[in-house]
Every structure is written in structure tokens, then in C-alpha cells.
Amino acid sequence: MIRRNQAFSYLTGGYLFPEIAKRRAAFAASHPGKKIISLGVGNTTEPLTPHITGGLAAYARGLGTREGYTGYGEDQGLTALREKISAVFYPGLIGPEEIFLSDGAKCDIGRLQLLFGRGVPVAVQDPAYPVYVDGSVLIGAAGKAGPGGYAGVTYMPCTAENAFFPDLSAVPENSLIYFCSPNNPTGAASTRAQLQTLVDTARARGCVIIFDGAYASFIRDPSLPRTIFEIPGAKECALEVNSFSKPAGFTGVRLGWTAVPRDLKYADGSPVIADWNRVMTTVFNGASNIAQAGGLAALDAEGLSEMRSVTDFYLENSRIIRTALEGPNFKKAGVSVYGGGNSPYLWVKFPQKQSWQVFDSILNQCSVVTTPGSGFGPAGEGYVRFSSFGHREDIVEAAGRLGDFSVCP
């Protein structure tokens, strides 16, 4: 009988959310009838907007007609949608032929690890979205976990002390650098100068940046870059993944893209885009035609306005939560609140407390679920993530409960 892929035995990333569910279930069982509100989930909650759903529905109805039926789509995605993404998100920076549509940023990150293989060193922000490290383990680029994280992964701590931008001096030469801005979970949005430092480091050391821009639509500060390709030199050392999940509510519809510049080359001078095209046409069969119709509607003027309203809604939720977390009880205990202004996440530091300890206290006192920061990497210990994805009435109620929270019971 064939043996199990040993990489699966190395994974510990499945611990966080099952453990949250376990503790939530135990609390619910001991407090029957008590309403539990989640501020921990990174899933959108509000209904899809009218113009975007109109595009989805019209295309779906058309599939029931001979004239409207379509089978397999273009391997790289619908040309009209690639052109719109280029014009809306990358004007004058990235052409439609450099954009590949997919079923979401998370899925593309997994395929990118297949593209670069097991022999490439990996550097990640710490804390970070777990798939960066877990996918590296599965492909064989990282090994068994220890007290400081997975073997073979260079962790770049992002904390309040360094303004959540890492010291890049430890980045190995010829490595993949996973970088997300605005960041999940810290909510930090990197400045133009910070991203220039990242690009300069990558070019000097022969690295490739996998830039995750899934939360770029939440940026409201006009001085902050909305794509890595706004930074000079980025097209020679970076590619970018992005998604309709958060701005359009497509977490279940599934539609994203990866932008791979033609100027991005391997050490031998061959273009990365050629291999990425081969990956996408070999192990992927194209994004859903229906989802792509929704993407086209989302990038119409009316759709863009709707997406702006949705992200504004979640940012207002974030403001409501922040106001509660900056109340007198939290200030007295020295609690610090970060993120939120250009991100749907608040990253909250509780001095002298461990993340799971804070999680349990908030759940037990307020019946509110959060996400322990330690689940995102070693540098997340002592922090808790609050998500602004939720119905307004639940957000307001949760904020009221937090106002009565005793930080030091």
C-alpha cells in the first residue's frame, strides 16, 4: 500500500479554527439560549448587491437557451473581464494578457506554490494568513513545526514595535516572499516607502514577492498604494493575487485573479508567465462563466459604486468595534488597538496576557467570539483579531457587550 504524504503529518495549521469551534460549542452547551456573536470570522455577511446579482442572474438564465449557453471558457479567463481588471485596478501598469482569472486568491496561492516547487526558500510575514505556510509545507518547501514555527520558513515578525513592517535583513537570497497589504490579520497597510524597501530588497537578493492584495479595496488613505505594481521595479520581482471575495461578497461565488508581469523572469532569463500559463491550463479548467459575468457587472460603474458601499459598510463596523475597544476599561488595562482604518480587521494587544486567555475571557464575559492572534504565527501571541464582517445590529450589540468587559477579571 502506498504511504501517506509525510507533509500532512507536519501540519498543525488545522488547530486554530477547530479549537475555536470546540470552545464556542462548549460555551453554548453550558449557556443554552445565550446569543453568541462572532467577531472572529473573515467571511462576508451582507447580501450581494442588485447590479452584481443582476449580472449573475442574467448569465445563469442565458445558459438555459441555445443562444446563451456556453461550455468551457477561455483558459486564462474571459478577455473582456481581464481587460476590465487591467483598466480598473492596474491602469498603465499591467496589461490584460498578464492577468489570469481563477476561483479565488487562496486557490491561486496554492497553485503558485506548485509553480515554484519545493526547492525555493520561503519567507513570510509573522503573523500571516495560514495558507502561505501550510501550502509551503504541503509542497515540501517547509518541514516539521517546532516552537518557533515550521522548519525551513523564515518568519519576519510584524509587531507594534516595528509598525507592523518587518526587518527584511533575514530574507534569504533567491526566496519567495509572501506579503499581504492591507494585512490579514494585523490590518496594517504598508506605505509607499515601505513597499519600495520590500521591492528593493527582493531585487537585490533575487527574490520573488507573492503579493496578496485581497483587501486593497478597503484602503481609504489616498497616499497608500493599492497594488505592488505602483512601486518602481516591482514588475521585475513580484506577482500579485487578488479577489472579488471581500469587496463584492464573492466568498461563495469564487472569483479571483493573479497578475504576472511579462518582465518577471527566472535566473535563466525565461519568463515566469509562461510557466504560470502552463500551470493554469494543466491543473485548472477556468473560473466559472457565471462568476465571471458577475465580475463584469462588478466592474461596471454601478457595480464599482456598490462595492464601495459594501466596503464602507464594513469599515463603519470596524469603527464601531474600535470605539468599544478604546473605552475606559481597555485603556485602563493598557490595551492597544491597531488596524481598521484601511482594513476590515482590528488587531488588539492585551499586555501580559496570552491570546487564548483573552479569547476565553471575552467569550465567557461577553458571549463574543474573536480569533486568537497566536493562531497566525509566533508574533501573534498576546494579540486578538476582531473582524468587522457582520450584520450591523450584531456589531452594535457586540460593541455594547465589550463596553462592560473586565479586561483584568
Protein backbone atom coordinates (compact mmCIF):
# COMPACT_ATOMS: atom_id res chain seq x y z
CA MET A 1 0.00 0.00 0.00
CA ILE A 2 1.31 3.50 -0.78
CA ARG A 3 2.50 5.55 2.13
CA ARG A 4 0.93 8.75 3.32
CA ASN A 5 2.49 12.01 2.13
CA GLN A 6 4.62 12.82 5.16
CA ALA A 7 3.98 16.56 4.74
CA PHE A 8 0.46 16.11 6.09
CA SER A 9 1.85 14.83 9.36
CA TYR A 10 3.82 18.06 9.72
CA LEU A 11 0.77 20.33 9.52
CA THR A 12 -0.52 21.98 12.66
CA GLY A 13 -2.48 24.76 10.90
CA GLY A 14 -5.81 22.97 11.33
CA TYR A 15 -5.67 23.64 15.07
CA LEU A 16 -6.93 27.22 15.23
CA PHE A 17 -10.45 27.23 13.84
CA PRO A 18 -11.46 23.73 15.02
CA GLU A 19 -10.35 24.76 18.51
CA ILE A 20 -12.39 27.97 18.28
CA ALA A 21 -15.42 25.93 17.22
CA LYS A 22 -14.86 23.48 20.07
CA ARG A 23 -14.70 26.23 22.71
CA ARG A 24 -17.69 28.03 21.23
CA ALA A 25 -19.72 24.80 21.27
CA ALA A 26 -18.76 24.10 24.90
CA PHE A 27 -19.82 27.62 25.90
CA ALA A 28 -23.12 27.29 24.03
CA ALA A 29 -23.86 23.96 25.73
CA SER A 30 -23.32 25.44 29.17
CA HIS A 31 -25.28 28.64 28.37
CA PRO A 32 -28.39 27.44 26.49
CA GLY A 33 -30.33 30.23 24.86
CA LYS A 34 -27.45 32.70 25.10
CA LYS A 35 -26.85 34.57 21.85
CA ILE A 36 -23.24 34.25 20.71
CA ILE A 37 -21.93 36.90 18.32
CA SER A 38 -18.90 36.20 16.15
CA LEU A 39 -16.32 38.91 15.55
CA GLY A 40 -13.80 36.29 14.54
CA VAL A 41 -14.84 35.15 11.10
CA GLY A 42 -13.22 36.52 7.94
CA ASN A 43 -16.30 35.69 5.86
CA THR A 44 -18.56 38.35 4.38
CA THR A 45 -22.12 38.58 5.71
CA GLU A 46 -24.10 41.10 3.66
CA PRO A 47 -26.22 40.14 0.62
CA LEU A 48 -24.86 40.60 -2.88
CA THR A 49 -25.82 43.94 -4.37
CA PRO A 50 -28.52 44.41 -7.07
CA HIS A 51 -26.41 45.27 -10.12
CA ILE A 52 -23.94 42.47 -9.46
CA THR A 53 -26.63 39.88 -8.79
CA GLY A 54 -28.32 41.08 -11.97
CA GLY A 55 -25.22 40.17 -13.94
CA LEU A 56 -25.01 36.75 -12.33
CA ALA A 57 -28.71 36.01 -12.79
CA ALA A 58 -28.91 37.18 -16.40
CA TYR A 59 -25.99 34.99 -17.39
CA ALA A 60 -27.37 31.99 -15.50
CA ARG A 61 -30.75 32.37 -17.24
CA GLY A 62 -28.99 32.61 -20.59
CA LEU A 63 -27.40 29.21 -20.04
CA GLY A 64 -30.90 27.77 -20.41
CA THR A 65 -31.09 28.94 -24.01
CA ARG A 66 -29.32 27.76 -27.13
CA GLU A 67 -28.06 31.27 -27.82
CA GLY A 68 -26.83 31.89 -24.29
CA TYR A 69 -25.31 28.52 -23.48
CA THR A 70 -21.53 28.34 -23.01
CA GLY A 71 -19.32 25.39 -22.18
CA TYR A 72 -15.62 25.61 -21.44
CA GLY A 73 -14.38 29.17 -21.26
CA GLU A 74 -11.05 30.71 -22.19
CA ASP A 75 -8.26 29.08 -20.18
CA GLN A 76 -6.91 32.37 -18.84
CA GLY A 77 -10.35 33.87 -18.30
CA LEU A 78 -12.84 35.95 -20.22
CA THR A 79 -10.96 38.52 -22.30
CA ALA A 80 -13.49 41.27 -21.55
CA LEU A 81 -13.07 40.75 -17.81
CA ARG A 82 -9.28 40.67 -18.00
CA GLU A 83 -9.44 43.96 -19.89
CA LYS A 84 -11.68 45.48 -17.21
CA ILE A 85 -9.43 44.31 -14.35
CA SER A 86 -6.44 45.81 -16.15
CA ALA A 87 -8.22 49.14 -16.68
CA VAL A 88 -9.74 49.41 -13.19
CA PHE A 89 -7.00 48.04 -10.93
CA TYR A 90 -3.79 48.43 -12.97
CA PRO A 91 -4.20 51.35 -15.41
CA GLY A 92 -0.99 51.71 -17.37
CA LEU A 93 0.72 49.13 -15.15
CA ILE A 94 -0.44 45.61 -16.07
CA GLY A 95 -1.98 44.54 -19.37
CA PRO A 96 -4.94 42.15 -19.75
CA GLU A 97 -2.64 39.45 -21.19
CA GLU A 98 -0.79 39.42 -17.84
CA ILE A 99 -3.97 38.68 -15.84
CA PHE A 100 -5.22 35.15 -15.18
CA LEU A 101 -8.70 34.62 -13.72
CA SER A 102 -9.30 31.94 -11.12
CA ASP A 103 -11.58 30.62 -8.39
CA GLY A 104 -10.02 32.87 -5.74
CA ALA A 105 -6.80 34.15 -4.21
CA LYS A 106 -6.41 31.26 -1.76
CA CYS A 107 -6.59 28.72 -4.58
CA ASP A 108 -4.08 30.67 -6.63
CA ILE A 109 -1.63 30.80 -3.71
CA GLY A 110 -1.71 27.00 -3.64
CA ARG A 111 -1.07 26.80 -7.38
CA LEU A 112 1.76 29.34 -7.10
CA GLN A 113 3.49 27.05 -4.64
CA LEU A 114 3.16 24.29 -7.24
CA LEU A 115 4.69 26.69 -9.79
CA PHE A 116 7.82 27.43 -7.76
CA GLY A 117 8.23 23.97 -6.24
CA ARG A 118 9.87 22.61 -3.13
CA GLY A 119 13.42 23.83 -3.64
CA VAL A 120 12.78 27.54 -3.04
CA PRO A 121 13.27 29.07 0.45
CA VAL A 122 10.20 30.77 1.91
CA ALA A 123 9.91 33.98 3.93
CA VAL A 124 6.59 35.11 5.42
CA GLN A 125 5.25 37.98 7.45
CA ASP A 126 4.58 36.90 11.01
CA PRO A 127 1.69 36.86 11.80
CA ALA A 128 0.28 35.81 8.43
CA TYR A 129 -2.60 34.17 6.62
CA PRO A 130 -2.02 30.45 7.40
CA VAL A 131 -2.16 29.20 3.79
CA TYR A 132 1.23 30.78 2.99
CA VAL A 133 2.98 28.46 5.40
CA ASP A 134 0.66 25.46 5.21
CA GLY A 135 0.89 25.36 1.42
CA SER A 136 4.66 25.55 1.66
CA VAL A 137 4.63 22.55 3.97
CA LEU A 138 2.41 20.54 1.61
CA ILE A 139 4.63 21.22 -1.42
CA GLY A 140 7.72 20.24 0.59
CA ALA A 141 9.32 23.68 0.81
CA ALA A 142 8.92 23.67 4.60
CA GLY A 143 9.27 20.97 7.22
CA LYS A 144 8.03 19.93 10.62
CA ALA A 145 6.85 22.57 13.07
CA GLY A 146 8.79 23.41 16.20
CA PRO A 147 8.49 26.04 18.96
CA GLY A 148 9.48 28.86 16.57
CA GLY A 149 7.39 27.73 13.60
CA TYR A 150 7.92 25.41 10.65
CA ALA A 151 11.40 24.31 9.66
CA GLY A 152 12.67 25.97 6.51
CA VAL A 153 10.45 29.06 6.85
CA THR A 154 11.94 32.46 7.63
CA TYR A 155 9.48 34.32 9.85
CA MET A 156 9.55 38.11 9.63
CA PRO A 157 7.95 39.47 12.83
CA CYS A 158 5.47 42.32 12.32
CA THR A 159 4.65 43.94 15.64
CA ALA A 160 3.68 47.32 17.06
CA GLU A 161 7.37 47.95 17.76
CA ASN A 162 8.26 47.94 14.05
CA ALA A 163 4.95 49.48 12.87
CA PHE A 164 3.96 46.04 11.51
CA PHE A 165 6.55 46.19 8.73
CA PRO A 166 9.26 43.55 9.08
CA ASP A 167 13.02 43.73 9.23
CA LEU A 168 13.93 42.34 5.81
CA SER A 169 17.58 41.66 6.64
CA ALA A 170 16.84 38.00 7.35
CA VAL A 171 15.22 37.29 3.96
CA PRO A 172 17.20 34.50 2.27
CA GLU A 173 18.56 35.05 -1.22
CA ASN A 174 16.53 33.55 -4.09
CA SER A 175 13.47 33.05 -1.90
CA LEU A 176 9.72 33.53 -2.16
CA ILE A 177 8.48 36.41 -0.01
CA TYR A 178 4.81 36.21 0.98
CA PHE A 179 3.48 39.68 1.71
CA CYS A 180 -0.07 40.92 2.31
CA SER A 181 -1.19 44.57 2.47
CA PRO A 182 -3.58 45.53 3.95
CA ASN A 183 -2.59 42.63 6.12
CA ASN A 184 -4.63 39.76 7.44
CA PRO A 185 -4.62 39.59 10.45
CA THR A 186 -2.94 42.82 11.63
CA GLY A 187 -4.94 45.23 9.46
CA ALA A 188 -1.74 47.17 8.69
CA ALA A 189 -1.49 48.82 5.26
CA SER A 190 2.09 49.36 4.11
CA THR A 191 3.23 52.77 2.95
CA ARG A 192 4.79 53.52 -0.41
CA ALA A 193 8.23 53.86 1.20
CA GLN A 194 7.87 50.53 2.99
CA LEU A 195 6.86 48.70 -0.18
CA GLN A 196 9.75 50.32 -2.05
CA THR A 197 12.07 48.83 0.58
CA LEU A 198 10.43 45.44 0.02
CA VAL A 199 10.87 45.66 -3.75
CA ASP A 200 14.45 46.88 -3.50
CA THR A 201 15.31 44.01 -1.15
CA ALA A 202 13.71 41.43 -3.43
CA ARG A 203 15.57 42.71 -6.48
CA ALA A 204 18.89 42.84 -4.65
CA ARG A 205 18.54 39.26 -3.38
CA GLY A 206 16.97 37.60 -6.41
CA CYS A 207 13.64 37.01 -4.64
CA VAL A 208 10.08 36.86 -5.93
CA ILE A 209 7.33 38.59 -3.97
CA ILE A 210 3.93 36.93 -3.88
CA PHE A 211 1.86 39.98 -3.04
CA ASP A 212 -1.62 39.39 -1.62
CA GLY A 213 -3.84 42.40 -2.36
CA ALA A 214 -7.17 40.83 -1.38
CA TYR A 215 -8.03 43.73 0.95
CA ALA A 216 -6.86 46.60 -1.25
CA SER A 217 -10.46 47.74 -1.83
CA PHE A 218 -10.65 48.79 1.84
CA ILE A 219 -7.86 51.36 1.51
CA ARG A 220 -9.19 54.89 2.02
CA ASP A 221 -5.92 56.76 2.57
CA PRO A 222 -5.01 58.12 -0.90
CA SER A 223 -1.30 58.10 -0.05
CA LEU A 224 -1.25 54.29 0.32
CA PRO A 225 -0.50 52.06 -2.70
CA ARG A 226 -3.37 49.82 -3.79
CA THR A 227 -1.14 47.45 -5.76
CA ILE A 228 2.51 46.42 -5.56
CA PHE A 229 2.88 47.48 -9.20
CA GLU A 230 2.65 51.13 -8.21
CA ILE A 231 6.18 50.65 -6.84
CA PRO A 232 9.06 51.15 -9.31
CA GLY A 233 10.85 47.89 -10.04
CA ALA A 234 8.01 45.67 -8.83
CA LYS A 235 7.28 44.19 -12.25
CA GLU A 236 10.74 42.60 -12.25
CA CYS A 237 10.33 40.87 -8.88
CA ALA A 238 6.64 40.50 -7.96
CA LEU A 239 3.34 39.00 -8.91
CA GLU A 240 0.01 39.80 -7.30
CA VAL A 241 -3.03 37.79 -6.27
CA ASN A 242 -6.39 39.46 -5.71
CA SER A 243 -10.04 38.60 -5.36
CA PHE A 244 -13.67 39.68 -5.63
CA SER A 245 -14.40 37.86 -2.35
CA LYS A 246 -14.41 40.75 0.09
CA PRO A 247 -15.47 43.81 -1.99
CA ALA A 248 -18.19 42.01 -3.97
CA GLY A 249 -19.15 39.37 -1.39
CA PHE A 250 -17.93 36.56 -3.65
CA THR A 251 -16.57 34.33 -0.86
CA GLY A 252 -19.02 31.65 -2.02
CA VAL A 253 -19.25 32.65 -5.69
CA ARG A 254 -15.45 32.26 -6.05
CA LEU A 255 -13.64 34.61 -8.42
CA GLY A 256 -10.12 35.99 -8.24
CA TRP A 257 -7.06 36.62 -10.35
CA THR A 258 -3.28 36.64 -10.42
CA ALA A 259 -1.30 39.29 -12.29
CA VAL A 260 2.04 38.02 -13.59
CA PRO A 261 4.15 40.68 -15.36
CA ARG A 262 6.00 39.71 -18.52
CA ASP A 263 9.09 41.34 -17.00
CA LEU A 264 9.24 38.78 -14.17
CA LYS A 265 12.00 36.31 -15.10
CA TYR A 266 13.75 33.28 -13.66
CA ALA A 267 17.51 33.21 -13.13
CA ASP A 268 17.98 31.80 -16.65
CA GLY A 269 16.00 34.68 -18.18
CA SER A 270 12.91 32.65 -19.06
CA PRO A 271 9.54 34.31 -18.27
CA VAL A 272 7.57 33.18 -15.21
CA ILE A 273 4.32 33.98 -17.04
CA ALA A 274 4.88 31.11 -19.49
CA ASP A 275 5.08 28.53 -16.70
CA TRP A 276 2.12 30.09 -14.88
CA ASN A 277 0.09 29.80 -18.07
CA ARG A 278 1.06 26.11 -18.23
CA VAL A 279 0.01 25.55 -14.60
CA MET A 280 -3.34 27.24 -15.13
CA THR A 281 -4.09 25.32 -18.31
CA THR A 282 -2.96 22.00 -16.81
CA VAL A 283 -4.41 21.80 -13.28
CA PHE A 284 -7.23 24.35 -13.59
CA ASN A 285 -10.16 24.47 -16.00
CA GLY A 286 -11.06 28.12 -15.79
CA ALA A 287 -13.16 30.28 -13.50
CA SER A 288 -16.93 29.76 -13.55
CA ASN A 289 -18.55 31.51 -16.50
CA ILE A 290 -21.35 32.67 -14.22
CA ALA A 291 -18.90 34.09 -11.68
CA GLN A 292 -17.07 35.94 -14.44
CA ALA A 293 -20.35 37.51 -15.57
CA GLY A 294 -20.75 38.75 -12.01
CA GLY A 295 -17.20 40.11 -12.14
CA LEU A 296 -18.01 42.06 -15.30
CA ALA A 297 -21.06 43.58 -13.59
CA ALA A 298 -18.98 44.40 -10.50
CA LEU A 299 -16.57 46.45 -12.61
CA ASP A 300 -19.27 48.49 -14.32
CA ALA A 301 -19.66 51.99 -12.91
CA GLU A 302 -22.74 50.88 -10.96
CA GLY A 303 -21.02 47.76 -9.69
CA LEU A 304 -17.98 49.71 -8.54
CA SER A 305 -20.28 52.06 -6.64
CA GLU A 306 -21.99 49.10 -4.99
CA MET A 307 -18.68 47.54 -3.96
CA ARG A 308 -17.57 50.85 -2.48
CA SER A 309 -20.77 50.96 -0.41
CA VAL A 310 -20.18 47.42 0.85
CA THR A 311 -16.60 48.09 1.93
CA ASP A 312 -17.72 51.37 3.53
CA PHE A 313 -20.29 49.37 5.49
CA TYR A 314 -17.66 47.00 6.89
CA LEU A 315 -15.28 49.87 7.66
CA GLU A 316 -18.05 51.54 9.67
CA ASN A 317 -18.48 48.26 11.54
CA SER A 318 -14.78 48.41 12.28
CA ARG A 319 -15.11 51.96 13.62
CA ILE A 320 -17.93 50.85 15.96
CA ILE A 321 -15.84 47.98 17.32
CA ARG A 322 -12.78 50.21 17.72
CA THR A 323 -14.78 52.76 19.72
CA ALA A 324 -15.74 50.00 22.16
CA LEU A 325 -12.17 48.69 22.39
CA GLU A 326 -10.87 52.18 23.16
CA GLY A 327 -13.29 52.54 26.09
CA PRO A 328 -12.17 53.24 29.67
CA ASN A 329 -11.87 49.59 30.77
CA PHE A 330 -9.49 48.79 27.91
CA LYS A 331 -7.47 51.99 28.26
CA LYS A 332 -7.00 51.39 31.97
CA ALA A 333 -5.60 47.94 31.22
CA GLY A 334 -3.17 49.32 28.61
CA VAL A 335 -4.87 47.62 25.66
CA SER A 336 -3.68 48.88 22.26
CA VAL A 337 -5.83 48.78 19.10
CA TYR A 338 -4.35 48.66 15.60
CA GLY A 339 -5.72 48.38 12.06
CA GLY A 340 -9.25 49.13 10.98
CA GLY A 341 -8.92 52.41 9.09
CA ASN A 342 -7.92 50.78 5.79
CA SER A 343 -8.84 47.20 6.64
CA PRO A 344 -11.76 45.12 7.93
CA TYR A 345 -9.62 43.78 10.79
CA LEU A 346 -8.65 45.18 14.19
CA TRP A 347 -5.54 43.76 15.82
CA VAL A 348 -5.64 44.23 19.57
CA LYS A 349 -2.77 43.80 22.03
CA PHE A 350 -3.54 42.72 25.61
CA PRO A 351 -0.43 43.26 27.79
CA GLN A 352 0.72 40.34 29.93
CA LYS A 353 -1.99 38.05 28.55
CA GLN A 354 -1.90 35.14 26.15
CA SER A 355 -4.17 35.12 23.11
CA TRP A 356 -6.26 32.12 24.15
CA GLN A 357 -6.66 33.54 27.64
CA VAL A 358 -8.16 36.72 26.16
CA PHE A 359 -10.32 34.68 23.78
CA ASP A 360 -11.81 32.72 26.71
CA SER A 361 -12.37 35.85 28.81
CA ILE A 362 -14.25 37.66 26.04
CA LEU A 363 -16.30 34.58 25.21
CA ASN A 364 -17.21 33.91 28.83
CA GLN A 365 -17.96 37.51 29.80
CA CYS A 366 -19.45 38.89 26.57
CA SER A 367 -20.56 35.84 24.56
CA VAL A 368 -18.44 37.23 21.71
CA VAL A 369 -16.12 35.08 19.58
CA THR A 370 -12.77 36.52 18.43
CA THR A 371 -9.68 34.96 16.82
CA PRO A 372 -6.55 34.35 18.94
CA GLY A 373 -3.55 36.02 17.35
CA SER A 374 -1.22 33.16 18.21
CA GLY A 375 -3.00 31.08 15.55
CA PHE A 376 -1.49 33.28 12.83
CA GLY A 377 2.13 32.80 13.85
CA PRO A 378 4.56 33.21 16.77
CA ALA A 379 4.47 37.03 16.66
CA GLY A 380 0.69 36.97 17.12
CA GLU A 381 0.90 35.87 20.75
CA GLY A 382 -0.78 38.36 23.06
CA TYR A 383 -2.95 39.75 20.28
CA VAL A 384 -6.57 39.04 19.31
CA ARG A 385 -8.14 39.71 15.91
CA PHE A 386 -11.56 41.33 15.66
CA SER A 387 -13.36 41.08 12.32
CA SER A 388 -15.80 43.72 11.09
CA PHE A 389 -17.69 41.25 8.89
CA GLY A 390 -21.14 41.09 10.46
CA HIS A 391 -24.66 42.46 10.38
CA ARG A 392 -24.84 45.97 11.81
CA GLU A 393 -27.23 45.06 14.61
CA ASP A 394 -24.87 42.29 15.76
CA ILE A 395 -21.86 44.60 15.59
CA VAL A 396 -23.63 47.23 17.70
CA GLU A 397 -24.76 44.64 20.24
CA ALA A 398 -21.27 43.11 20.47
CA ALA A 399 -19.75 46.58 20.95
CA GLY A 400 -22.16 47.22 23.79
CA ARG A 401 -21.18 44.00 25.49
CA LEU A 402 -17.48 44.80 25.09
CA GLY A 403 -18.08 48.11 26.85
CA ASP A 404 -18.78 46.14 30.03
CA PHE A 405 -15.86 43.77 29.60
CA SER A 406 -13.48 43.47 32.53
CA VAL A 407 -10.03 43.16 30.99
CA CYS A 408 -8.45 42.05 34.28
CA PRO A 409 -11.07 39.88 35.99
